[in-house]
Amino acid sequence: RMIEDRRANVRRVPLPGAPYNILEDFDFSLSYLTSRALLTDRPSF
């Protein structure tokens, strides 16, 4: 599936600052989903 039609290249979603930023900061996205009661985020402190 990933080889077909070079999808491993075409379907890539790099983050700004790659290759140094490979893990996304989810703070804003999780807050957005939490504010709409789609997600509950329970920090461990």
ModelCIF file with pLDDT and N, C-alpha, C, O atoms, coordinates in Angstrom:
data_MODEL
#
_entry.id   MODEL 
#
_entity.id                         1 
_entity.type                       polymer 
_entity.pdbx_number_of_molecules   1 
#
_entity_poly.entity_id                      1 
_entity_poly.type                           'polypeptide(L)' 
_entity_poly.nstd_linkage                   no 
_entity_poly.nstd_monomer                   no 
_entity_poly.pdbx_seq_one_letter_code       RMIEDRRANVRRVPLPGAPYNILEDFDFSLSYLTSRALLTDRPSF 
_entity_poly.pdbx_seq_one_letter_code_can   RMIEDRRANVRRVPLPGAPYNILEDFDFSLSYLTSRALLTDRPSF 
_entity_poly.pdbx_strand_id                 A 
#
loop_
_entity_poly_seq.entity_id 
_entity_poly_seq.num 
_entity_poly_seq.mon_id 
_entity_poly_seq.hetero 
1 1  ARG n 
1 2  MET n 
1 3  ILE n 
1 4  GLU n 
1 5  ASP n 
1 6  ARG n 
1 7  ARG n 
1 8  ALA n 
1 9  ASN n 
1 10 VAL n 
1 11 ARG n 
1 12 ARG n 
1 13 VAL n 
1 14 PRO n 
1 15 LEU n 
1 16 PRO n 
1 17 GLY n 
1 18 ALA n 
1 19 PRO n 
1 20 TYR n 
1 21 ASN n 
1 22 ILE n 
1 23 LEU n 
1 24 GLU n 
1 25 ASP n 
1 26 PHE n 
1 27 ASP n 
1 28 PHE n 
1 29 SER n 
1 30 LEU n 
1 31 SER n 
1 32 TYR n 
1 33 LEU n 
1 34 THR n 
1 35 SER n 
1 36 ARG n 
1 37 ALA n 
1 38 LEU n 
1 39 LEU n 
1 40 THR n 
1 41 ASP n 
1 42 ARG n 
1 43 PRO n 
1 44 SER n 
1 45 PHE n 
#
_struct_asym.id          A 
_struct_asym.entity_id   1 
#
loop_
_ma_qa_metric.id 
_ma_qa_metric.mode 
_ma_qa_metric.name 
_ma_qa_metric.software_group_id 
_ma_qa_metric.type 
1 global pLDDT . pLDDT 
2 local  pLDDT . pLDDT 
#
_ma_qa_metric_global.metric_id      1 
_ma_qa_metric_global.metric_value   85.33 
_ma_qa_metric_global.model_id       1 
_ma_qa_metric_global.ordinal_id     1 
#
loop_
_ma_qa_metric_local.label_asym_id 
_ma_qa_metric_local.label_comp_id 
_ma_qa_metric_local.label_seq_id 
_ma_qa_metric_local.metric_id 
_ma_qa_metric_local.metric_value 
_ma_qa_metric_local.model_id 
_ma_qa_metric_local.ordinal_id 
A ARG 1  2 95.00 1 1  
A MET 2  2 95.00 1 2  
A ILE 3  2 94.00 1 3  
A GLU 4  2 91.00 1 4  
A ASP 5  2 87.00 1 5  
A ARG 6  2 88.00 1 6  
A ARG 7  2 92.00 1 7  
A ALA 8  2 93.00 1 8  
A ASN 9  2 93.00 1 9  
A VAL 10 2 93.00 1 10 
A ARG 11 2 94.00 1 11 
A ARG 12 2 93.00 1 12 
A VAL 13 2 91.00 1 13 
A PRO 14 2 84.00 1 14 
A LEU 15 2 83.00 1 15 
A PRO 16 2 76.00 1 16 
A GLY 17 2 72.00 1 17 
A ALA 18 2 65.00 1 18 
A PRO 19 2 68.00 1 19 
A TYR 20 2 70.00 1 20 
A ASN 21 2 80.00 1 21 
A ILE 22 2 89.00 1 22 
A LEU 23 2 89.00 1 23 
A GLU 24 2 89.00 1 24 
A ASP 25 2 88.00 1 25 
A PHE 26 2 90.00 1 26 
A ASP 27 2 88.00 1 27 
A PHE 28 2 90.00 1 28 
A SER 29 2 92.00 1 29 
A LEU 30 2 92.00 1 30 
A SER 31 2 91.00 1 31 
A TYR 32 2 94.00 1 32 
A LEU 33 2 95.00 1 33 
A THR 34 2 93.00 1 34 
A SER 35 2 93.00 1 35 
A ARG 36 2 94.00 1 36 
A ALA 37 2 93.00 1 37 
A LEU 38 2 95.00 1 38 
A LEU 39 2 94.00 1 39 
A THR 40 2 91.00 1 40 
A ASP 41 2 78.00 1 41 
A ARG 42 2 68.00 1 42 
A PRO 43 2 61.00 1 43 
A SER 44 2 51.00 1 44 
A PHE 45 2 45.00 1 45 
#
loop_
_atom_site.group_PDB 
_atom_site.id 
_atom_site.type_symbol 
_atom_site.label_atom_id 
_atom_site.label_alt_id 
_atom_site.label_comp_id 
_atom_site.label_asym_id 
_atom_site.label_entity_id 
_atom_site.label_seq_id 
_atom_site.pdbx_PDB_ins_code 
_atom_site.Cartn_x 
_atom_site.Cartn_y 
_atom_site.Cartn_z 
_atom_site.occupancy 
_atom_site.B_iso_or_equiv 
_atom_site.pdbx_formal_charge 
_atom_site.auth_seq_id 
_atom_site.auth_comp_id 
_atom_site.auth_asym_id 
_atom_site.auth_atom_id 
_atom_site.pdbx_PDB_model_num 
ATOM 1   N N  . ARG A 1 1  ? 0.828   -1.207 0.000  1.00 95.00 ? 1  ARG A N  1 
ATOM 2   C CA . ARG A 1 1  ? 0.000   0.000  0.000  1.00 95.00 ? 1  ARG A CA 1 
ATOM 3   C C  . ARG A 1 1  ? 0.864   1.258  0.000  1.00 95.00 ? 1  ARG A C  1 
ATOM 4   O O  . ARG A 1 1  ? 0.541   2.233  -0.678 1.00 95.00 ? 1  ARG A O  1 
ATOM 5   N N  . MET A 1 2  ? 1.960   1.239  0.759  1.00 95.00 ? 2  MET A N  1 
ATOM 6   C CA . MET A 1 2  ? 2.806   2.425  0.855  1.00 95.00 ? 2  MET A CA 1 
ATOM 7   C C  . MET A 1 2  ? 3.688   2.614  -0.375 1.00 95.00 ? 2  MET A C  1 
ATOM 8   O O  . MET A 1 2  ? 4.071   3.735  -0.710 1.00 95.00 ? 2  MET A O  1 
ATOM 9   N N  . ILE A 1 3  ? 4.007   1.502  -1.047 1.00 94.00 ? 3  ILE A N  1 
ATOM 10  C CA . ILE A 1 3  ? 4.809   1.587  -2.263 1.00 94.00 ? 3  ILE A CA 1 
ATOM 11  C C  . ILE A 1 3  ? 3.962   2.028  -3.456 1.00 94.00 ? 3  ILE A C  1 
ATOM 12  O O  . ILE A 1 3  ? 4.435   2.768  -4.319 1.00 94.00 ? 3  ILE A O  1 
ATOM 13  N N  . GLU A 1 4  ? 2.715   1.573  -3.503 1.00 91.00 ? 4  GLU A N  1 
ATOM 14  C CA . GLU A 1 4  ? 1.838   1.858  -4.639 1.00 91.00 ? 4  GLU A CA 1 
ATOM 15  C C  . GLU A 1 4  ? 1.739   3.363  -4.904 1.00 91.00 ? 4  GLU A C  1 
ATOM 16  O O  . GLU A 1 4  ? 1.455   4.154  -4.004 1.00 91.00 ? 4  GLU A O  1 
ATOM 17  N N  . ASP A 1 5  ? 1.981   3.733  -6.161 1.00 87.00 ? 5  ASP A N  1 
ATOM 18  C CA . ASP A 1 5  ? 1.894   5.144  -6.580 1.00 87.00 ? 5  ASP A CA 1 
ATOM 19  C C  . ASP A 1 5  ? 2.745   6.066  -5.710 1.00 87.00 ? 5  ASP A C  1 
ATOM 20  O O  . ASP A 1 5  ? 2.418   7.239  -5.535 1.00 87.00 ? 5  ASP A O  1 
ATOM 21  N N  . ARG A 1 6  ? 3.844   5.528  -5.164 1.00 88.00 ? 6  ARG A N  1 
ATOM 22  C CA . ARG A 1 6  ? 4.773   6.309  -4.345 1.00 88.00 ? 6  ARG A CA 1 
ATOM 23  C C  . ARG A 1 6  ? 4.073   6.981  -3.164 1.00 88.00 ? 6  ARG A C  1 
ATOM 24  O O  . ARG A 1 6  ? 4.417   8.098  -2.778 1.00 88.00 ? 6  ARG A O  1 
ATOM 25  N N  . ARG A 1 7  ? 3.091   6.290  -2.598 1.00 92.00 ? 7  ARG A N  1 
ATOM 26  C CA . ARG A 1 7  ? 2.307   6.904  -1.517 1.00 92.00 ? 7  ARG A CA 1 
ATOM 27  C C  . ARG A 1 7  ? 3.147   7.215  -0.284 1.00 92.00 ? 7  ARG A C  1 
ATOM 28  O O  . ARG A 1 7  ? 2.816   8.120  0.481  1.00 92.00 ? 7  ARG A O  1 
ATOM 29  N N  . ALA A 1 8  ? 4.228   6.472  -0.088 1.00 93.00 ? 8  ALA A N  1 
ATOM 30  C CA . ALA A 1 8  ? 5.100   6.777  1.054  1.00 93.00 ? 8  ALA A CA 1 
ATOM 31  C C  . ALA A 1 8  ? 5.665   8.183  0.947  1.00 93.00 ? 8  ALA A C  1 
ATOM 32  O O  . ALA A 1 8  ? 5.983   8.802  1.962  1.00 93.00 ? 8  ALA A O  1 
ATOM 33  N N  . ASN A 1 9  ? 5.794   8.692  -0.267 1.00 93.00 ? 9  ASN A N  1 
ATOM 34  C CA . ASN A 1 9  ? 6.244   10.071 -0.472 1.00 93.00 ? 9  ASN A CA 1 
ATOM 35  C C  . ASN A 1 9  ? 5.069   11.039 -0.490 1.00 93.00 ? 9  ASN A C  1 
ATOM 36  O O  . ASN A 1 9  ? 5.086   12.071 0.180  1.00 93.00 ? 9  ASN A O  1 
ATOM 37  N N  . VAL A 1 10 ? 4.044   10.686 -1.272 1.00 93.00 ? 10 VAL A N  1 
ATOM 38  C CA . VAL A 1 10 ? 2.924   11.599 -1.502 1.00 93.00 ? 10 VAL A CA 1 
ATOM 39  C C  . VAL A 1 10 ? 2.111   11.847 -0.239 1.00 93.00 ? 10 VAL A C  1 
ATOM 40  O O  . VAL A 1 10 ? 1.616   12.954 -0.025 1.00 93.00 ? 10 VAL A O  1 
ATOM 41  N N  . ARG A 1 11 ? 1.973   10.825 0.595  1.00 94.00 ? 11 ARG A N  1 
ATOM 42  C CA . ARG A 1 11 ? 1.131   10.922 1.792  1.00 94.00 ? 11 ARG A CA 1 
ATOM 43  C C  . ARG A 1 11 ? 1.874   11.459 3.018  1.00 94.00 ? 11 ARG A C  1 
ATOM 44  O O  . ARG A 1 11 ? 1.316   11.515 4.113  1.00 94.00 ? 11 ARG A O  1 
ATOM 45  N N  . ARG A 1 12 ? 3.093   11.840 2.834  1.00 93.00 ? 12 ARG A N  1 
ATOM 46  C CA . ARG A 1 12 ? 3.897   12.346 3.941  1.00 93.00 ? 12 ARG A CA 1 
ATOM 47  C C  . ARG A 1 12 ? 3.348   13.682 4.451  1.00 93.00 ? 12 ARG A C  1 
ATOM 48  O O  . ARG A 1 12 ? 2.947   14.530 3.654  1.00 93.00 ? 12 ARG A O  1 
ATOM 49  N N  . VAL A 1 13 ? 3.329   13.872 5.768  1.00 91.00 ? 13 VAL A N  1 
ATOM 50  C CA . VAL A 1 13 ? 2.866   15.124 6.368  1.00 91.00 ? 13 VAL A CA 1 
ATOM 51  C C  . VAL A 1 13 ? 3.971   15.635 7.298  1.00 91.00 ? 13 VAL A C  1 
ATOM 52  O O  . VAL A 1 13 ? 3.877   15.459 8.513  1.00 91.00 ? 13 VAL A O  1 
ATOM 53  N N  . PRO A 1 14 ? 5.014   16.264 6.748  1.00 84.00 ? 14 PRO A N  1 
ATOM 54  C CA . PRO A 1 14 ? 6.112   16.734 7.605  1.00 84.00 ? 14 PRO A CA 1 
ATOM 55  C C  . PRO A 1 14 ? 5.696   17.939 8.423  1.00 84.00 ? 14 PRO A C  1 
ATOM 56  O O  . PRO A 1 14 ? 4.848   18.724 7.998  1.00 84.00 ? 14 PRO A O  1 
ATOM 57  N N  . LEU A 1 15 ? 6.289   18.087 9.585  1.00 83.00 ? 15 LEU A N  1 
ATOM 58  C CA . LEU A 1 15 ? 6.043   19.244 10.434 1.00 83.00 ? 15 LEU A CA 1 
ATOM 59  C C  . LEU A 1 15 ? 6.995   20.371 10.054 1.00 83.00 ? 15 LEU A C  1 
ATOM 60  O O  . LEU A 1 15 ? 8.079   20.110 9.533  1.00 83.00 ? 15 LEU A O  1 
ATOM 61  N N  . PRO A 1 16 ? 6.611   21.616 10.304 1.00 76.00 ? 16 PRO A N  1 
ATOM 62  C CA . PRO A 1 16 ? 7.545   22.730 10.094 1.00 76.00 ? 16 PRO A CA 1 
ATOM 63  C C  . PRO A 1 16 ? 8.799   22.532 10.939 1.00 76.00 ? 16 PRO A C  1 
ATOM 64  O O  . PRO A 1 16 ? 8.724   22.159 12.110 1.00 76.00 ? 16 PRO A O  1 
ATOM 65  N N  . GLY A 1 17 ? 9.950   22.789 10.327 1.00 72.00 ? 17 GLY A N  1 
ATOM 66  C CA . GLY A 1 17 ? 11.199  22.635 11.062 1.00 72.00 ? 17 GLY A CA 1 
ATOM 67  C C  . GLY A 1 17 ? 11.815  21.261 10.962 1.00 72.00 ? 17 GLY A C  1 
ATOM 68  O O  . GLY A 1 17 ? 12.839  21.002 11.596 1.00 72.00 ? 17 GLY A O  1 
ATOM 69  N N  . ALA A 1 18 ? 11.210  20.348 10.167 1.00 65.00 ? 18 ALA A N  1 
ATOM 70  C CA . ALA A 1 18 ? 11.803  19.022 9.985  1.00 65.00 ? 18 ALA A CA 1 
ATOM 71  C C  . ALA A 1 18 ? 13.193  19.179 9.383  1.00 65.00 ? 18 ALA A C  1 
ATOM 72  O O  . ALA A 1 18 ? 13.392  20.099 8.589  1.00 65.00 ? 18 ALA A O  1 
ATOM 73  N N  . PRO A 1 19 ? 14.170  18.330 9.718  1.00 68.00 ? 19 PRO A N  1 
ATOM 74  C CA . PRO A 1 19 ? 14.031  17.071 10.442 1.00 68.00 ? 19 PRO A CA 1 
ATOM 75  C C  . PRO A 1 19 ? 14.113  17.191 11.954 1.00 68.00 ? 19 PRO A C  1 
ATOM 76  O O  . PRO A 1 19 ? 14.090  16.179 12.654 1.00 68.00 ? 19 PRO A O  1 
ATOM 77  N N  . TYR A 1 20 ? 14.208  18.415 12.471 1.00 70.00 ? 20 TYR A N  1 
ATOM 78  C CA . TYR A 1 20 ? 14.427  18.579 13.906 1.00 70.00 ? 20 TYR A CA 1 
ATOM 79  C C  . TYR A 1 20 ? 13.136  18.442 14.700 1.00 70.00 ? 20 TYR A C  1 
ATOM 80  O O  . TYR A 1 20 ? 13.156  17.957 15.831 1.00 70.00 ? 20 TYR A O  1 
ATOM 81  N N  . ASN A 1 21 ? 12.022  18.859 14.126 1.00 80.00 ? 21 ASN A N  1 
ATOM 82  C CA . ASN A 1 21 ? 10.735  18.713 14.791 1.00 80.00 ? 21 ASN A CA 1 
ATOM 83  C C  . ASN A 1 21 ? 9.992   17.532 14.181 1.00 80.00 ? 21 ASN A C  1 
ATOM 84  O O  . ASN A 1 21 ? 9.377   17.662 13.122 1.00 80.00 ? 21 ASN A O  1 
ATOM 85  N N  . ILE A 1 22 ? 10.045  16.399 14.833 1.00 89.00 ? 22 ILE A N  1 
ATOM 86  C CA . ILE A 1 22 ? 9.377   15.212 14.298 1.00 89.00 ? 22 ILE A CA 1 
ATOM 87  C C  . ILE A 1 22 ? 8.138   14.836 15.103 1.00 89.00 ? 22 ILE A C  1 
ATOM 88  O O  . ILE A 1 22 ? 7.293   14.083 14.619 1.00 89.00 ? 22 ILE A O  1 
ATOM 89  N N  . LEU A 1 23 ? 8.021   15.351 16.325 1.00 89.00 ? 23 LEU A N  1 
ATOM 90  C CA . LEU A 1 23 ? 6.884   15.042 17.182 1.00 89.00 ? 23 LEU A CA 1 
ATOM 91  C C  . LEU A 1 23 ? 6.042   16.294 17.376 1.00 89.00 ? 23 LEU A C  1 
ATOM 92  O O  . LEU A 1 23 ? 6.549   17.343 17.773 1.00 89.00 ? 23 LEU A O  1 
ATOM 93  N N  . GLU A 1 24 ? 4.779   16.175 17.098 1.00 89.00 ? 24 GLU A N  1 
ATOM 94  C CA . GLU A 1 24 ? 3.909   17.346 17.119 1.00 89.00 ? 24 GLU A CA 1 
ATOM 95  C C  . GLU A 1 24 ? 3.564   17.780 18.542 1.00 89.00 ? 24 GLU A C  1 
ATOM 96  O O  . GLU A 1 24 ? 3.376   16.950 19.432 1.00 89.00 ? 24 GLU A O  1 
ATOM 97  N N  . ASP A 1 25 ? 3.484   19.090 18.737 1.00 88.00 ? 25 ASP A N  1 
ATOM 98  C CA . ASP A 1 25 ? 3.004   19.662 19.986 1.00 88.00 ? 25 ASP A CA 1 
ATOM 99  C C  . ASP A 1 25 ? 1.481   19.720 19.893 1.00 88.00 ? 25 ASP A C  1 
ATOM 100 O O  . ASP A 1 25 ? 0.935   20.502 19.114 1.00 88.00 ? 25 ASP A O  1 
ATOM 101 N N  . PHE A 1 26 ? 0.800   18.902 20.679 1.00 90.00 ? 26 PHE A N  1 
ATOM 102 C CA . PHE A 1 26 ? -0.645  18.760 20.551 1.00 90.00 ? 26 PHE A CA 1 
ATOM 103 C C  . PHE A 1 26 ? -1.436  19.720 21.434 1.00 90.00 ? 26 PHE A C  1 
ATOM 104 O O  . PHE A 1 26 ? -2.662  19.620 21.486 1.00 90.00 ? 26 PHE A O  1 
ATOM 105 N N  . ASP A 1 27 ? -0.788  20.631 22.118 1.00 88.00 ? 27 ASP A N  1 
ATOM 106 C CA . ASP A 1 27 ? -1.488  21.469 23.093 1.00 88.00 ? 27 ASP A CA 1 
ATOM 107 C C  . ASP A 1 27 ? -2.720  22.149 22.496 1.00 88.00 ? 27 ASP A C  1 
ATOM 108 O O  . ASP A 1 27 ? -3.814  22.053 23.053 1.00 88.00 ? 27 ASP A O  1 
ATOM 109 N N  . PHE A 1 28 ? -2.545  22.834 21.367 1.00 90.00 ? 28 PHE A N  1 
ATOM 110 C CA . PHE A 1 28 ? -3.665  23.575 20.787 1.00 90.00 ? 28 PHE A CA 1 
ATOM 111 C C  . PHE A 1 28 ? -4.744  22.627 20.270 1.00 90.00 ? 28 PHE A C  1 
ATOM 112 O O  . PHE A 1 28 ? -5.932  22.852 20.500 1.00 90.00 ? 28 PHE A O  1 
ATOM 113 N N  . SER A 1 29 ? -4.335  21.570 19.577 1.00 92.00 ? 29 SER A N  1 
ATOM 114 C CA . SER A 1 29 ? -5.302  20.635 18.996 1.00 92.00 ? 29 SER A CA 1 
ATOM 115 C C  . SER A 1 29 ? -6.107  19.925 20.079 1.00 92.00 ? 29 SER A C  1 
ATOM 116 O O  . SER A 1 29 ? -7.325  19.787 19.961 1.00 92.00 ? 29 SER A O  1 
ATOM 117 N N  . LEU A 1 30 ? -5.433  19.476 21.130 1.00 92.00 ? 30 LEU A N  1 
ATOM 118 C CA . LEU A 1 30 ? -6.154  18.799 22.209 1.00 92.00 ? 30 LEU A CA 1 
ATOM 119 C C  . LEU A 1 30 ? -7.077  19.761 22.948 1.00 92.00 ? 30 LEU A C  1 
ATOM 120 O O  . LEU A 1 30 ? -8.173  19.380 23.359 1.00 92.00 ? 30 LEU A O  1 
ATOM 121 N N  . SER A 1 31 ? -6.636  21.013 23.118 1.00 91.00 ? 31 SER A N  1 
ATOM 122 C CA . SER A 1 31 ? -7.495  22.013 23.760 1.00 91.00 ? 31 SER A CA 1 
ATOM 123 C C  . SER A 1 31 ? -8.741  22.272 22.915 1.00 91.00 ? 31 SER A C  1 
ATOM 124 O O  . SER A 1 31 ? -9.841  22.433 23.444 1.00 91.00 ? 31 SER A O  1 
ATOM 125 N N  . TYR A 1 32 ? -8.550  22.310 21.592 1.00 94.00 ? 32 TYR A N  1 
ATOM 126 C CA . TYR A 1 32 ? -9.680  22.520 20.667 1.00 94.00 ? 32 TYR A CA 1 
ATOM 127 C C  . TYR A 1 32 ? -10.703 21.396 20.826 1.00 94.00 ? 32 TYR A C  1 
ATOM 128 O O  . TYR A 1 32 ? -11.903 21.658 20.916 1.00 94.00 ? 32 TYR A O  1 
ATOM 129 N N  . LEU A 1 33 ? -10.238 20.149 20.860 1.00 95.00 ? 33 LEU A N  1 
ATOM 130 C CA . LEU A 1 33 ? -11.144 19.013 20.987 1.00 95.00 ? 33 LEU A CA 1 
ATOM 131 C C  . LEU A 1 33 ? -11.770 18.959 22.373 1.00 95.00 ? 33 LEU A C  1 
ATOM 132 O O  . LEU A 1 33 ? -12.937 18.595 22.518 1.00 95.00 ? 33 LEU A O  1 
ATOM 133 N N  . THR A 1 34 ? -11.000 19.320 23.386 1.00 93.00 ? 34 THR A N  1 
ATOM 134 C CA . THR A 1 34 ? -11.527 19.327 24.750 1.00 93.00 ? 34 THR A CA 1 
ATOM 135 C C  . THR A 1 34 ? -12.627 20.366 24.909 1.00 93.00 ? 34 THR A C  1 
ATOM 136 O O  . THR A 1 34 ? -13.629 20.118 25.578 1.00 93.00 ? 34 THR A O  1 
ATOM 137 N N  . SER A 1 35 ? -12.439 21.529 24.294 1.00 93.00 ? 35 SER A N  1 
ATOM 138 C CA . SER A 1 35 ? -13.437 22.605 24.411 1.00 93.00 ? 35 SER A CA 1 
ATOM 139 C C  . SER A 1 35 ? -14.766 22.231 23.773 1.00 93.00 ? 35 SER A C  1 
ATOM 140 O O  . SER A 1 35 ? -15.794 22.842 24.065 1.00 93.00 ? 35 SER A O  1 
ATOM 141 N N  . ARG A 1 36 ? -14.747 21.235 22.909 1.00 94.00 ? 36 ARG A N  1 
ATOM 142 C CA . ARG A 1 36 ? -15.967 20.780 22.240 1.00 94.00 ? 36 ARG A CA 1 
ATOM 143 C C  . ARG A 1 36 ? -16.479 19.458 22.821 1.00 94.00 ? 36 ARG A C  1 
ATOM 144 O O  . ARG A 1 36 ? -17.328 18.790 22.231 1.00 94.00 ? 36 ARG A O  1 
ATOM 145 N N  . ALA A 1 37 ? -15.944 19.101 23.985 1.00 93.00 ? 37 ALA A N  1 
ATOM 146 C CA . ALA A 1 37 ? -16.387 17.910 24.727 1.00 93.00 ? 37 ALA A CA 1 
ATOM 147 C C  . ALA A 1 37 ? -16.170 16.618 23.939 1.00 93.00 ? 37 ALA A C  1 
ATOM 148 O O  . ALA A 1 37 ? -16.844 15.618 24.185 1.00 93.00 ? 37 ALA A O  1 
ATOM 149 N N  . LEU A 1 38 ? -15.232 16.641 22.997 1.00 95.00 ? 38 LEU A N  1 
ATOM 150 C CA . LEU A 1 38 ? -14.908 15.436 22.241 1.00 95.00 ? 38 LEU A CA 1 
ATOM 151 C C  . LEU A 1 38 ? -13.783 14.653 22.899 1.00 95.00 ? 38 LEU A C  1 
ATOM 152 O O  . LEU A 1 38 ? -13.560 13.481 22.596 1.00 95.00 ? 38 LEU A O  1 
ATOM 153 N N  . LEU A 1 39 ? -13.087 15.315 23.796 1.00 94.00 ? 39 LEU A N  1 
ATOM 154 C CA . LEU A 1 39 ? -11.901 14.747 24.417 1.00 94.00 ? 39 LEU A CA 1 
ATOM 155 C C  . LEU A 1 39 ? -11.828 15.192 25.872 1.00 94.00 ? 39 LEU A C  1 
ATOM 156 O O  . LEU A 1 39 ? -12.213 16.311 26.210 1.00 94.00 ? 39 LEU A O  1 
ATOM 157 N N  . THR A 1 40 ? -11.335 14.307 26.722 1.00 91.00 ? 40 THR A N  1 
ATOM 158 C CA . THR A 1 40 ? -11.034 14.665 28.102 1.00 91.00 ? 40 THR A CA 1 
ATOM 159 C C  . THR A 1 40 ? -9.540  14.468 28.306 1.00 91.00 ? 40 THR A C  1 
ATOM 160 O O  . THR A 1 40 ? -9.018  13.372 28.101 1.00 91.00 ? 40 THR A O  1 
ATOM 161 N N  . ASP A 1 41 ? -8.863  15.514 28.703 1.00 78.00 ? 41 ASP A N  1 
ATOM 162 C CA . ASP A 1 41 ? -7.415  15.475 28.911 1.00 78.00 ? 41 ASP A CA 1 
ATOM 163 C C  . ASP A 1 41 ? -7.157  15.604 30.400 1.00 78.00 ? 41 ASP A C  1 
ATOM 164 O O  . ASP A 1 41 ? -7.480  16.628 31.001 1.00 78.00 ? 41 ASP A O  1 
ATOM 165 N N  . ARG A 1 42 ? -6.584  14.587 30.993 1.00 68.00 ? 42 ARG A N  1 
ATOM 166 C CA . ARG A 1 42 ? -6.395  14.555 32.445 1.00 68.00 ? 42 ARG A CA 1 
ATOM 167 C C  . ARG A 1 42 ? -4.902  14.537 32.762 1.00 68.00 ? 42 ARG A C  1 
ATOM 168 O O  . ARG A 1 42 ? -4.300  13.464 32.800 1.00 68.00 ? 42 ARG A O  1 
ATOM 169 N N  . PRO A 1 43 ? -4.296  15.690 32.989 1.00 61.00 ? 43 PRO A N  1 
ATOM 170 C CA . PRO A 1 43 ? -2.841  15.742 33.241 1.00 61.00 ? 43 PRO A CA 1 
ATOM 171 C C  . PRO A 1 43 ? -2.442  14.943 34.464 1.00 61.00 ? 43 PRO A C  1 
ATOM 172 O O  . PRO A 1 43 ? -3.216  14.755 35.402 1.00 61.00 ? 43 PRO A O  1 
ATOM 173 N N  . SER A 1 44 ? -1.206  14.483 34.417 1.00 51.00 ? 44 SER A N  1 
ATOM 174 C CA . SER A 1 44 ? -0.683  13.714 35.549 1.00 51.00 ? 44 SER A CA 1 
ATOM 175 C C  . SER A 1 44 ? 0.066   14.606 36.531 1.00 51.00 ? 44 SER A C  1 
ATOM 176 O O  . SER A 1 44 ? 0.480   14.145 37.594 1.00 51.00 ? 44 SER A O  1 
ATOM 177 N N  . PHE A 1 45 ? 0.248   15.903 36.176 1.00 45.00 ? 45 PHE A N  1 
ATOM 178 C CA . PHE A 1 45 ? 0.947   16.875 37.022 1.00 45.00 ? 45 PHE A CA 1 
ATOM 179 C C  . PHE A 1 45 ? 2.422   16.518 37.210 1.00 45.00 ? 45 PHE A C  1 
ATOM 180 O O  . PHE A 1 45 ? 3.148   17.237 37.896 1.00 45.00 ? 45 PHE A O  1 
#
